[in-house]
Amino acid sequence: MGTKEKILSAHKVKEYALRAIAVQPDDASTLHVLGRWCFSVADVSWIEKRLAATLIASLPESSFDEALSFFMRAHKSKEHFKSNALWIGHTYTKLKNKANARKWYRIAIEMPSMCELDHQVTAEARECLSRL
């Protein structure tokens, strides 16, 4: 998929996820997807946004605070969601809140691992924690 198509599909991803939340407001997976979507959009630099708007199409808007709100709703809905805890840690890192980032990386590490992905999440959380 080209860059323009990716930008245009980004708008659709959020639209469809919001529709799913309207039907099932407490679905942890969809809330997590929305958090990841917001995080990704918020992580695009100002220069990249301006360049994309000039050359292709305007990027959607979001913030790390919005991402955090979706991740926290997902956590409230499903407390033992290891990947979600990791992304809460990432979001607090972006918000420069090291104390909460450490807390959530530790939570992700302490949650039981049920599959290979969980082991990868644990390793990533440990690495992120060591860098704080």
Protein backbone atom coordinates (compact mmCIF):
# COMPACT_ATOMS: atom_id res chain seq x y z
CA MET A 1 0.00 0.00 0.00
CA GLY A 2 1.31 3.44 -0.89
CA THR A 3 1.66 6.30 1.57
CA LYS A 4 -1.48 8.08 0.36
CA GLU A 5 -3.52 4.90 0.71
CA LYS A 6 -2.13 4.33 4.21
CA ILE A 7 -3.13 7.83 5.27
CA LEU A 8 -6.60 7.47 3.80
CA SER A 9 -7.05 4.04 5.39
CA ALA A 10 -5.98 5.44 8.78
CA HIS A 11 -9.18 7.47 8.85
CA LYS A 12 -11.18 4.30 8.10
CA VAL A 13 -9.47 2.26 10.84
CA LYS A 14 -10.56 4.73 13.48
CA GLU A 15 -14.05 5.00 12.01
CA TYR A 16 -14.57 1.22 12.08
CA ALA A 17 -13.08 0.85 15.56
CA LEU A 18 -15.37 3.58 16.90
CA ARG A 19 -18.34 1.79 15.33
CA ALA A 20 -17.30 -1.42 17.07
CA ILE A 21 -17.01 0.43 20.40
CA ALA A 22 -20.52 1.83 19.90
CA VAL A 23 -21.79 -1.75 19.71
CA GLN A 24 -19.54 -3.19 22.45
CA PRO A 25 -18.24 -0.32 24.61
CA ASP A 26 -16.18 -2.55 26.93
CA ASP A 27 -14.39 -4.68 24.32
CA ALA A 28 -10.77 -4.59 25.52
CA SER A 29 -9.31 -5.60 22.15
CA THR A 30 -11.04 -2.80 20.24
CA LEU A 31 -10.18 -0.26 22.94
CA HIS A 32 -6.55 -1.41 22.72
CA VAL A 33 -6.59 -1.05 18.92
CA LEU A 34 -7.91 2.50 19.29
CA GLY A 35 -5.18 3.24 21.83
CA ARG A 36 -2.53 1.93 19.44
CA TRP A 37 -4.07 3.95 16.61
CA CYS A 38 -3.98 7.15 18.69
CA PHE A 39 -0.43 6.42 19.83
CA SER A 40 0.76 5.90 16.24
CA VAL A 41 -0.90 9.08 15.00
CA ALA A 42 0.39 11.12 17.95
CA ASP A 43 3.91 9.79 17.36
CA VAL A 44 4.14 11.27 13.84
CA SER A 45 6.40 14.31 13.96
CA TRP A 46 5.15 17.79 13.09
CA ILE A 47 7.42 17.87 10.04
CA GLU A 48 6.11 14.52 8.78
CA LYS A 49 2.52 15.73 9.24
CA ARG A 50 3.17 18.95 7.32
CA LEU A 51 4.97 17.10 4.54
CA ALA A 52 2.15 14.58 4.22
CA ALA A 53 -0.48 17.34 4.20
CA THR A 54 1.41 19.23 1.52
CA LEU A 55 2.18 16.29 -0.74
CA ILE A 56 -0.54 13.73 -0.14
CA ALA A 57 -3.43 14.18 2.28
CA SER A 58 -3.95 15.44 5.78
CA LEU A 59 -3.19 13.01 8.58
CA PRO A 60 -5.73 12.35 11.29
CA GLU A 61 -5.22 14.02 14.66
CA SER A 62 -4.74 12.39 18.05
CA SER A 63 -2.66 12.63 21.21
CA PHE A 64 -0.87 10.45 23.72
CA ASP A 65 -3.49 11.47 26.29
CA GLU A 66 -6.22 10.11 24.02
CA ALA A 67 -4.23 6.90 23.54
CA LEU A 68 -3.85 6.57 27.30
CA SER A 69 -7.59 6.96 27.83
CA PHE A 70 -8.32 4.06 25.46
CA PHE A 71 -5.59 1.89 27.02
CA MET A 72 -6.95 2.58 30.51
CA ARG A 73 -10.47 1.70 29.43
CA ALA A 74 -9.11 -1.54 27.96
CA HIS A 75 -7.34 -2.26 31.26
CA LYS A 76 -10.52 -1.62 33.22
CA SER A 77 -12.34 -4.06 30.94
CA LYS A 78 -9.61 -6.74 30.98
CA GLU A 79 -7.01 -6.31 33.72
CA HIS A 80 -4.76 -9.19 32.64
CA PHE A 81 -4.05 -7.86 29.15
CA LYS A 82 -0.25 -7.96 29.13
CA SER A 83 0.27 -6.16 25.81
CA ASN A 84 -2.07 -3.37 26.91
CA ALA A 85 -0.05 -2.85 30.12
CA LEU A 86 3.10 -2.57 27.99
CA TRP A 87 1.50 0.10 25.81
CA ILE A 88 0.33 2.02 28.86
CA GLY A 89 4.01 2.07 29.86
CA HIS A 90 5.01 3.27 26.38
CA THR A 91 2.40 6.02 26.54
CA TYR A 92 3.54 7.24 29.94
CA THR A 93 7.09 7.26 28.57
CA LYS A 94 5.98 9.52 25.71
CA LEU A 95 4.18 11.73 28.25
CA LYS A 96 7.48 11.93 30.17
CA ASN A 97 5.90 10.40 33.27
CA LYS A 98 8.69 8.00 34.21
CA ALA A 99 7.17 6.93 37.53
CA ASN A 100 3.98 5.68 35.90
CA ALA A 101 5.90 4.23 32.95
CA ARG A 102 8.00 2.16 35.40
CA LYS A 103 4.87 1.08 37.24
CA TRP A 104 3.17 -0.18 34.06
CA TYR A 105 6.28 -1.88 32.69
CA ARG A 106 6.53 -3.74 36.02
CA ILE A 107 2.85 -4.66 35.82
CA ALA A 108 3.41 -6.09 32.32
CA ILE A 109 6.44 -8.05 33.55
CA GLU A 110 4.57 -9.46 36.56
CA MET A 111 1.52 -10.62 34.60
CA PRO A 112 1.63 -14.33 33.77
CA SER A 113 2.73 -15.26 30.27
CA MET A 114 0.25 -17.49 28.48
CA CYS A 115 1.80 -17.60 24.99
CA GLU A 116 4.92 -16.69 23.01
CA LEU A 117 3.65 -13.16 22.42
CA ASP A 118 3.39 -12.66 26.20
CA HIS A 119 7.04 -13.72 26.57
CA GLN A 120 8.00 -11.14 23.94
CA VAL A 121 5.98 -8.49 25.77
CA THR A 122 7.80 -9.36 29.01
CA ALA A 123 11.18 -9.02 27.30
CA GLU A 124 10.21 -5.68 25.76
CA ALA A 125 8.89 -4.37 29.09
CA ARG A 126 12.14 -5.37 30.81
CA GLU A 127 14.18 -3.61 28.14
CA CYS A 128 12.06 -0.44 28.39
CA LEU A 129 12.25 -0.49 32.18
CA SER A 130 16.05 -0.75 32.07
CA ARG A 131 16.21 2.35 29.82
CA LEU A 132 14.19 4.56 32.20
